[in-house]
N, C-alpha and C. Protein backbone atom coordinates (compact mmCIF):
# COMPACT_ATOMS: atom_id res chain seq x y z
N MET A 1 4.01 -18.56 -23.18
CA MET A 1 5.27 -18.17 -22.57
C MET A 1 5.56 -19.06 -21.37
N VAL A 2 6.69 -19.69 -21.43
CA VAL A 2 7.11 -20.57 -20.33
C VAL A 2 8.55 -20.24 -20.00
N ILE A 3 8.82 -20.16 -18.73
CA ILE A 3 10.21 -19.96 -18.30
C ILE A 3 10.80 -21.34 -18.01
N THR A 4 11.97 -21.58 -18.55
CA THR A 4 12.60 -22.89 -18.38
C THR A 4 13.37 -22.95 -17.06
N ALA A 5 13.76 -24.15 -16.69
CA ALA A 5 14.56 -24.32 -15.47
C ALA A 5 15.89 -23.57 -15.59
N LYS A 6 16.48 -23.61 -16.77
CA LYS A 6 17.75 -22.91 -16.98
C LYS A 6 17.56 -21.40 -16.88
N GLN A 7 16.48 -20.88 -17.46
CA GLN A 7 16.20 -19.44 -17.36
C GLN A 7 15.96 -19.04 -15.92
N GLU A 8 15.22 -19.86 -15.20
CA GLU A 8 14.98 -19.58 -13.79
C GLU A 8 16.30 -19.52 -13.03
N ALA A 9 17.18 -20.47 -13.27
CA ALA A 9 18.47 -20.50 -12.58
C ALA A 9 19.29 -19.25 -12.91
N LEU A 10 19.26 -18.83 -14.17
CA LEU A 10 19.99 -17.62 -14.56
C LEU A 10 19.45 -16.39 -13.84
N VAL A 11 18.12 -16.27 -13.79
CA VAL A 11 17.48 -15.13 -13.12
C VAL A 11 17.78 -15.15 -11.63
N VAL A 12 17.59 -16.30 -11.01
CA VAL A 12 17.81 -16.41 -9.56
C VAL A 12 19.27 -16.11 -9.22
N ASN A 13 20.19 -16.67 -9.96
CA ASN A 13 21.61 -16.46 -9.70
C ASN A 13 21.98 -14.98 -9.84
N SER A 14 21.53 -14.35 -10.90
CA SER A 14 21.87 -12.94 -11.10
C SER A 14 21.19 -12.06 -10.06
N TRP A 15 19.95 -12.38 -9.70
CA TRP A 15 19.25 -11.60 -8.67
C TRP A 15 19.98 -11.73 -7.34
N ASN A 16 20.43 -12.93 -7.02
CA ASN A 16 21.17 -13.12 -5.77
C ASN A 16 22.45 -12.29 -5.75
N GLU A 17 23.07 -12.11 -6.89
CA GLU A 17 24.28 -11.28 -7.00
C GLU A 17 23.96 -9.80 -6.81
N MET A 18 22.76 -9.38 -7.20
CA MET A 18 22.38 -7.96 -7.14
C MET A 18 21.74 -7.54 -5.81
N LYS A 19 21.19 -8.48 -5.09
CA LYS A 19 20.38 -8.18 -3.90
C LYS A 19 21.03 -7.21 -2.93
N ASP A 20 22.28 -7.45 -2.62
CA ASP A 20 22.94 -6.64 -1.59
C ASP A 20 23.05 -5.16 -1.97
N ASP A 21 23.08 -4.88 -3.25
CA ASP A 21 23.19 -3.49 -3.69
C ASP A 21 21.93 -3.05 -4.44
N ALA A 22 20.80 -3.70 -4.13
CA ALA A 22 19.54 -3.43 -4.82
C ALA A 22 19.12 -1.96 -4.78
N PRO A 23 19.29 -1.23 -3.66
CA PRO A 23 18.88 0.19 -3.68
C PRO A 23 19.61 1.01 -4.75
N THR A 24 20.89 0.76 -4.92
CA THR A 24 21.66 1.48 -5.93
C THR A 24 21.17 1.14 -7.33
N PHE A 25 20.99 -0.15 -7.61
CA PHE A 25 20.55 -0.57 -8.94
C PHE A 25 19.11 -0.15 -9.20
N ALA A 26 18.28 -0.16 -8.18
CA ALA A 26 16.89 0.27 -8.34
C ALA A 26 16.82 1.73 -8.79
N LEU A 27 17.59 2.57 -8.14
CA LEU A 27 17.59 3.98 -8.52
C LEU A 27 18.14 4.16 -9.93
N LYS A 28 19.19 3.45 -10.28
CA LYS A 28 19.74 3.52 -11.63
C LYS A 28 18.71 3.09 -12.66
N PHE A 29 17.94 2.07 -12.32
CA PHE A 29 16.87 1.56 -13.17
C PHE A 29 15.89 2.68 -13.53
N PHE A 30 15.42 3.42 -12.53
CA PHE A 30 14.47 4.50 -12.78
C PHE A 30 15.12 5.72 -13.42
N LEU A 31 16.32 6.04 -13.03
CA LEU A 31 17.01 7.17 -13.66
C LEU A 31 17.23 6.90 -15.14
N ARG A 32 17.50 5.66 -15.48
CA ARG A 32 17.66 5.28 -16.89
C ARG A 32 16.34 5.45 -17.62
N LEU A 33 15.25 5.07 -17.00
CA LEU A 33 13.92 5.28 -17.59
C LEU A 33 13.69 6.76 -17.88
N PHE A 34 14.00 7.61 -16.91
CA PHE A 34 13.77 9.05 -17.07
C PHE A 34 14.73 9.68 -18.08
N GLU A 35 15.90 9.08 -18.29
CA GLU A 35 16.80 9.55 -19.35
C GLU A 35 16.18 9.31 -20.71
N ILE A 36 15.54 8.16 -20.86
CA ILE A 36 14.95 7.78 -22.14
C ILE A 36 13.65 8.53 -22.39
N ILE A 37 12.80 8.59 -21.36
CA ILE A 37 11.52 9.29 -21.46
C ILE A 37 11.44 10.29 -20.31
N PRO A 38 12.00 11.48 -20.48
CA PRO A 38 11.98 12.47 -19.39
C PRO A 38 10.58 12.79 -18.87
N SER A 39 9.60 12.77 -19.75
CA SER A 39 8.23 13.09 -19.33
C SER A 39 7.63 12.01 -18.42
N ALA A 40 8.25 10.84 -18.35
CA ALA A 40 7.73 9.77 -17.50
C ALA A 40 7.73 10.17 -16.03
N ALA A 41 8.63 11.06 -15.65
CA ALA A 41 8.68 11.50 -14.24
C ALA A 41 7.37 12.16 -13.83
N LYS A 42 6.69 12.79 -14.79
CA LYS A 42 5.42 13.46 -14.48
C LYS A 42 4.29 12.47 -14.17
N GLN A 43 4.50 11.21 -14.50
CA GLN A 43 3.50 10.18 -14.21
C GLN A 43 3.43 9.85 -12.72
N PHE A 44 4.46 10.25 -11.99
CA PHE A 44 4.54 9.92 -10.57
C PHE A 44 4.14 11.14 -9.75
N THR A 45 3.02 11.04 -9.06
CA THR A 45 2.50 12.17 -8.31
C THR A 45 3.51 12.71 -7.31
N PHE A 46 4.30 11.84 -6.70
CA PHE A 46 5.26 12.28 -5.70
C PHE A 46 6.45 13.03 -6.29
N LEU A 47 6.57 13.04 -7.61
CA LEU A 47 7.67 13.78 -8.26
C LEU A 47 7.21 15.10 -8.87
N ARG A 48 5.93 15.25 -9.09
CA ARG A 48 5.42 16.42 -9.82
C ARG A 48 5.80 17.75 -9.19
N ASP A 49 5.67 17.86 -7.90
CA ASP A 49 5.94 19.13 -7.22
C ASP A 49 7.27 19.14 -6.47
N SER A 50 8.06 18.13 -6.67
CA SER A 50 9.32 18.03 -5.94
C SER A 50 10.39 18.91 -6.59
N THR A 51 11.16 19.57 -5.74
CA THR A 51 12.27 20.39 -6.23
C THR A 51 13.62 19.67 -6.06
N LEU A 52 13.57 18.50 -5.45
CA LEU A 52 14.79 17.71 -5.25
C LEU A 52 15.25 17.10 -6.57
N PRO A 53 16.54 16.99 -6.76
CA PRO A 53 17.03 16.23 -7.92
C PRO A 53 16.53 14.79 -7.80
N LEU A 54 16.22 14.18 -8.92
CA LEU A 54 15.66 12.83 -8.90
C LEU A 54 16.50 11.86 -8.08
N GLU A 55 17.81 11.92 -8.24
CA GLU A 55 18.68 10.96 -7.55
C GLU A 55 18.72 11.16 -6.04
N LYS A 56 18.18 12.28 -5.56
CA LYS A 56 18.16 12.55 -4.11
C LYS A 56 16.77 12.41 -3.50
N ASN A 57 15.77 12.18 -4.33
CA ASN A 57 14.39 12.13 -3.87
C ASN A 57 14.12 10.82 -3.11
N PRO A 58 13.84 10.93 -1.80
CA PRO A 58 13.64 9.71 -1.01
C PRO A 58 12.41 8.91 -1.44
N LYS A 59 11.38 9.59 -1.94
CA LYS A 59 10.19 8.87 -2.38
C LYS A 59 10.48 8.09 -3.67
N LEU A 60 11.26 8.68 -4.54
CA LEU A 60 11.64 7.95 -5.76
C LEU A 60 12.52 6.76 -5.39
N LYS A 61 13.45 6.96 -4.47
CA LYS A 61 14.33 5.86 -4.05
C LYS A 61 13.50 4.70 -3.50
N ALA A 62 12.52 5.01 -2.67
CA ALA A 62 11.68 3.98 -2.07
C ALA A 62 10.83 3.28 -3.13
N HIS A 63 10.25 4.08 -4.02
CA HIS A 63 9.42 3.51 -5.08
C HIS A 63 10.27 2.63 -6.00
N ALA A 64 11.41 3.14 -6.41
CA ALA A 64 12.29 2.40 -7.31
C ALA A 64 12.70 1.08 -6.68
N MET A 65 13.02 1.11 -5.41
CA MET A 65 13.42 -0.11 -4.70
C MET A 65 12.27 -1.12 -4.70
N GLY A 66 11.08 -0.64 -4.39
CA GLY A 66 9.91 -1.53 -4.38
C GLY A 66 9.66 -2.18 -5.73
N VAL A 67 9.74 -1.39 -6.80
CA VAL A 67 9.48 -1.91 -8.14
C VAL A 67 10.58 -2.88 -8.56
N PHE A 68 11.82 -2.51 -8.30
CA PHE A 68 12.95 -3.36 -8.70
C PHE A 68 12.89 -4.70 -7.98
N VAL A 69 12.70 -4.66 -6.68
CA VAL A 69 12.63 -5.90 -5.90
C VAL A 69 11.43 -6.73 -6.34
N MET A 70 10.28 -6.08 -6.51
CA MET A 70 9.08 -6.81 -6.92
C MET A 70 9.29 -7.48 -8.28
N THR A 71 9.88 -6.76 -9.22
CA THR A 71 10.12 -7.31 -10.55
C THR A 71 11.07 -8.50 -10.48
N CYS A 72 12.12 -8.33 -9.74
CA CYS A 72 13.12 -9.41 -9.63
C CYS A 72 12.58 -10.61 -8.86
N GLU A 73 11.90 -10.36 -7.77
CA GLU A 73 11.34 -11.46 -6.97
C GLU A 73 10.23 -12.18 -7.74
N ALA A 74 9.40 -11.43 -8.47
CA ALA A 74 8.34 -12.06 -9.27
C ALA A 74 8.97 -12.98 -10.30
N ALA A 75 10.06 -12.52 -10.89
CA ALA A 75 10.75 -13.33 -11.89
C ALA A 75 11.27 -14.63 -11.29
N THR A 76 11.75 -14.57 -10.06
CA THR A 76 12.30 -15.78 -9.44
C THR A 76 11.20 -16.75 -9.00
N GLN A 77 9.96 -16.29 -8.91
CA GLN A 77 8.86 -17.14 -8.47
C GLN A 77 8.10 -17.80 -9.63
N LEU A 78 8.30 -17.34 -10.84
CA LEU A 78 7.50 -17.79 -11.97
C LEU A 78 7.44 -19.30 -12.15
N ARG A 79 8.56 -19.92 -12.16
CA ARG A 79 8.60 -21.35 -12.45
C ARG A 79 8.00 -22.16 -11.30
N LYS A 80 8.21 -21.70 -10.09
CA LYS A 80 7.70 -22.42 -8.92
C LYS A 80 6.18 -22.41 -8.88
N THR A 81 5.60 -21.24 -9.10
CA THR A 81 4.15 -21.08 -8.94
C THR A 81 3.38 -21.14 -10.26
N GLY A 82 4.08 -20.92 -11.38
CA GLY A 82 3.42 -20.90 -12.68
C GLY A 82 2.66 -19.62 -12.95
N LYS A 83 2.81 -18.66 -12.04
CA LYS A 83 2.13 -17.37 -12.24
C LYS A 83 2.98 -16.28 -11.64
N VAL A 84 2.58 -15.06 -11.94
CA VAL A 84 3.30 -13.91 -11.41
C VAL A 84 2.83 -13.64 -9.99
N ASP A 85 3.78 -13.59 -9.07
CA ASP A 85 3.50 -13.26 -7.68
C ASP A 85 4.24 -11.98 -7.35
N VAL A 86 3.48 -10.91 -7.07
CA VAL A 86 4.12 -9.61 -6.84
C VAL A 86 4.29 -9.29 -5.36
N GLY A 87 4.06 -10.27 -4.52
CA GLY A 87 4.32 -10.07 -3.09
C GLY A 87 3.06 -9.86 -2.29
N ALA A 88 3.23 -9.80 -1.00
CA ALA A 88 2.11 -9.72 -0.07
C ALA A 88 1.52 -8.32 0.03
N ASN A 89 2.30 -7.29 -0.30
CA ASN A 89 1.85 -5.92 -0.08
C ASN A 89 1.06 -5.32 -1.23
N THR A 90 0.93 -6.04 -2.33
CA THR A 90 0.19 -5.52 -3.47
C THR A 90 -0.36 -6.69 -4.27
N SER A 91 -1.06 -6.39 -5.35
CA SER A 91 -1.60 -7.42 -6.21
C SER A 91 -1.44 -6.99 -7.66
N VAL A 92 -1.55 -7.95 -8.56
CA VAL A 92 -1.47 -7.63 -9.98
C VAL A 92 -2.64 -6.71 -10.35
N GLN A 93 -3.80 -6.93 -9.74
CA GLN A 93 -4.96 -6.08 -10.01
C GLN A 93 -4.69 -4.63 -9.62
N HIS A 94 -4.06 -4.44 -8.47
CA HIS A 94 -3.72 -3.08 -8.02
C HIS A 94 -2.72 -2.44 -8.99
N LEU A 95 -1.69 -3.18 -9.37
CA LEU A 95 -0.70 -2.65 -10.31
C LEU A 95 -1.37 -2.27 -11.63
N ALA A 96 -2.27 -3.12 -12.10
CA ALA A 96 -2.97 -2.83 -13.35
C ALA A 96 -3.80 -1.55 -13.23
N SER A 97 -4.49 -1.40 -12.12
CA SER A 97 -5.31 -0.22 -11.90
C SER A 97 -4.46 1.06 -11.90
N VAL A 98 -3.36 1.03 -11.19
CA VAL A 98 -2.46 2.19 -11.11
C VAL A 98 -1.90 2.53 -12.49
N HIS A 99 -1.45 1.52 -13.22
CA HIS A 99 -0.88 1.76 -14.54
C HIS A 99 -1.93 2.23 -15.54
N PHE A 100 -3.14 1.69 -15.44
CA PHE A 100 -4.23 2.11 -16.33
C PHE A 100 -4.59 3.57 -16.08
N LYS A 101 -4.75 3.94 -14.81
CA LYS A 101 -5.09 5.34 -14.46
C LYS A 101 -4.01 6.31 -14.89
N ALA A 102 -2.76 5.87 -14.87
CA ALA A 102 -1.65 6.73 -15.25
C ALA A 102 -1.49 6.82 -16.77
N GLY A 103 -2.24 6.03 -17.50
CA GLY A 103 -2.16 6.07 -18.95
C GLY A 103 -0.92 5.39 -19.51
N ILE A 104 -0.44 4.39 -18.80
CA ILE A 104 0.77 3.69 -19.24
C ILE A 104 0.43 2.85 -20.47
N ALA A 105 1.24 3.02 -21.52
CA ALA A 105 1.03 2.33 -22.79
C ALA A 105 2.11 1.29 -23.03
N ASP A 106 1.93 0.51 -24.08
CA ASP A 106 2.90 -0.54 -24.42
C ASP A 106 4.32 -0.01 -24.51
N VAL A 107 4.47 1.16 -25.11
CA VAL A 107 5.82 1.73 -25.29
C VAL A 107 6.51 1.95 -23.94
N HIS A 108 5.74 2.33 -22.92
CA HIS A 108 6.31 2.54 -21.59
C HIS A 108 6.84 1.22 -21.01
N PHE A 109 6.06 0.15 -21.20
CA PHE A 109 6.51 -1.15 -20.71
C PHE A 109 7.79 -1.60 -21.44
N GLU A 110 7.87 -1.31 -22.73
CA GLU A 110 9.05 -1.69 -23.51
C GLU A 110 10.28 -0.90 -23.06
N VAL A 111 10.10 0.39 -22.82
CA VAL A 111 11.23 1.20 -22.36
C VAL A 111 11.66 0.76 -20.97
N LEU A 112 10.70 0.45 -20.13
CA LEU A 112 11.04 -0.04 -18.79
C LEU A 112 11.81 -1.36 -18.87
N LYS A 113 11.42 -2.22 -19.78
CA LYS A 113 12.14 -3.48 -20.00
C LYS A 113 13.58 -3.20 -20.42
N PHE A 114 13.76 -2.28 -21.35
CA PHE A 114 15.10 -1.92 -21.80
C PHE A 114 15.92 -1.40 -20.62
N ALA A 115 15.32 -0.51 -19.82
CA ALA A 115 16.01 0.05 -18.66
C ALA A 115 16.37 -1.04 -17.66
N LEU A 116 15.46 -2.00 -17.46
CA LEU A 116 15.74 -3.11 -16.55
C LEU A 116 16.92 -3.93 -17.04
N LEU A 117 16.89 -4.29 -18.31
CA LEU A 117 17.96 -5.12 -18.87
C LEU A 117 19.31 -4.41 -18.83
N GLU A 118 19.31 -3.12 -19.14
CA GLU A 118 20.56 -2.36 -19.08
C GLU A 118 21.08 -2.25 -17.65
N THR A 119 20.17 -2.14 -16.70
CA THR A 119 20.57 -2.06 -15.29
C THR A 119 21.17 -3.39 -14.83
N ILE A 120 20.54 -4.48 -15.22
CA ILE A 120 21.07 -5.80 -14.86
C ILE A 120 22.43 -6.02 -15.51
N LYS A 121 22.55 -5.62 -16.77
CA LYS A 121 23.83 -5.75 -17.48
C LYS A 121 24.94 -4.99 -16.75
N GLU A 122 24.60 -3.80 -16.25
CA GLU A 122 25.58 -3.01 -15.50
C GLU A 122 25.86 -3.62 -14.13
N ALA A 123 24.83 -4.19 -13.52
CA ALA A 123 24.97 -4.73 -12.16
C ALA A 123 25.82 -5.99 -12.12
N VAL A 124 25.66 -6.84 -13.12
CA VAL A 124 26.37 -8.12 -13.13
C VAL A 124 27.03 -8.36 -14.50
N PRO A 125 27.97 -7.50 -14.88
CA PRO A 125 28.57 -7.62 -16.22
C PRO A 125 29.30 -8.96 -16.42
N TYR A 126 29.81 -9.52 -15.34
CA TYR A 126 30.53 -10.79 -15.40
C TYR A 126 29.61 -11.98 -15.64
N LEU A 127 28.29 -11.78 -15.48
CA LEU A 127 27.32 -12.84 -15.75
C LEU A 127 26.56 -12.59 -17.06
N TRP A 128 26.66 -11.37 -17.59
CA TRP A 128 25.83 -10.97 -18.72
C TRP A 128 26.11 -11.81 -19.96
N SER A 129 25.03 -12.29 -20.57
CA SER A 129 25.10 -13.07 -21.80
C SER A 129 23.76 -12.93 -22.51
N GLU A 130 23.71 -13.41 -23.73
CA GLU A 130 22.43 -13.40 -24.46
C GLU A 130 21.40 -14.27 -23.73
N GLU A 131 21.86 -15.36 -23.15
CA GLU A 131 20.95 -16.24 -22.39
C GLU A 131 20.37 -15.54 -21.16
N LEU A 132 21.20 -14.80 -20.45
CA LEU A 132 20.71 -14.06 -19.28
C LEU A 132 19.72 -12.99 -19.72
N LYS A 133 20.04 -12.30 -20.77
CA LYS A 133 19.13 -11.28 -21.32
C LYS A 133 17.77 -11.90 -21.66
N GLU A 134 17.80 -13.05 -22.33
CA GLU A 134 16.55 -13.73 -22.70
C GLU A 134 15.77 -14.19 -21.47
N ALA A 135 16.48 -14.68 -20.47
CA ALA A 135 15.81 -15.15 -19.25
C ALA A 135 15.09 -14.00 -18.56
N TRP A 136 15.79 -12.86 -18.41
CA TRP A 136 15.16 -11.71 -17.78
C TRP A 136 14.04 -11.14 -18.65
N SER A 137 14.22 -11.15 -19.95
CA SER A 137 13.18 -10.66 -20.87
C SER A 137 11.91 -11.49 -20.72
N GLU A 138 12.08 -12.80 -20.71
CA GLU A 138 10.94 -13.70 -20.58
C GLU A 138 10.23 -13.47 -19.23
N SER A 139 11.00 -13.35 -18.17
CA SER A 139 10.42 -13.12 -16.85
C SER A 139 9.66 -11.79 -16.80
N TYR A 140 10.28 -10.74 -17.31
CA TYR A 140 9.64 -9.42 -17.33
C TYR A 140 8.36 -9.48 -18.17
N ASP A 141 8.43 -10.14 -19.31
CA ASP A 141 7.25 -10.23 -20.18
C ASP A 141 6.08 -10.90 -19.47
N HIS A 142 6.36 -11.91 -18.65
CA HIS A 142 5.30 -12.55 -17.88
C HIS A 142 4.63 -11.55 -16.93
N LEU A 143 5.41 -10.76 -16.27
CA LEU A 143 4.88 -9.75 -15.35
C LEU A 143 4.02 -8.74 -16.12
N VAL A 144 4.50 -8.27 -17.24
CA VAL A 144 3.76 -7.28 -18.03
C VAL A 144 2.46 -7.87 -18.58
N VAL A 145 2.51 -9.09 -19.06
CA VAL A 145 1.29 -9.74 -19.56
C VAL A 145 0.25 -9.84 -18.45
N ALA A 146 0.69 -10.20 -17.25
CA ALA A 146 -0.25 -10.30 -16.12
C ALA A 146 -0.87 -8.94 -15.82
N ILE A 147 -0.08 -7.88 -15.84
CA ILE A 147 -0.59 -6.53 -15.58
C ILE A 147 -1.55 -6.12 -16.69
N LYS A 148 -1.15 -6.31 -17.93
CA LYS A 148 -1.99 -5.91 -19.08
C LYS A 148 -3.30 -6.66 -19.10
N ASN A 149 -3.27 -7.96 -18.76
CA ASN A 149 -4.50 -8.74 -18.74
C ASN A 149 -5.51 -8.18 -17.74
N GLU A 150 -5.02 -7.59 -16.67
CA GLU A 150 -5.90 -6.99 -15.67
C GLU A 150 -6.33 -5.56 -16.05
N MET A 151 -5.56 -4.94 -16.94
CA MET A 151 -5.91 -3.58 -17.37
C MET A 151 -7.11 -3.62 -18.29
């Protein structure tokens, strides 16, 4: 799997368009996941005992923002570094450990990918194309492969 210069440019350009409203799109990203797999909310310890609606839960908002930004930023770094960089505050090994302990399976990664792509499509409809979809898919797949390899 290699991300091309054109794919990198598509990802970077679309991410730059989304950055300013990232908290909104991040929450939509996770709400879309929970629409598809309602039981996925139980995987998050901070949601298990919460009585707040998901869209109002500050811990979910913070988590969603972190994941969305990390995913998008990792995608923009791929071509430069040749590897997945998830930022200074965490590591691929940590992500793998958390996902392994939670019992996350391939199907969960696929649904999350679908939710990510649908969120990006909604965020930047004027940029959306098959090429943009492929660029984000390739970038996301790199991140997932790195996590799975550590699992």
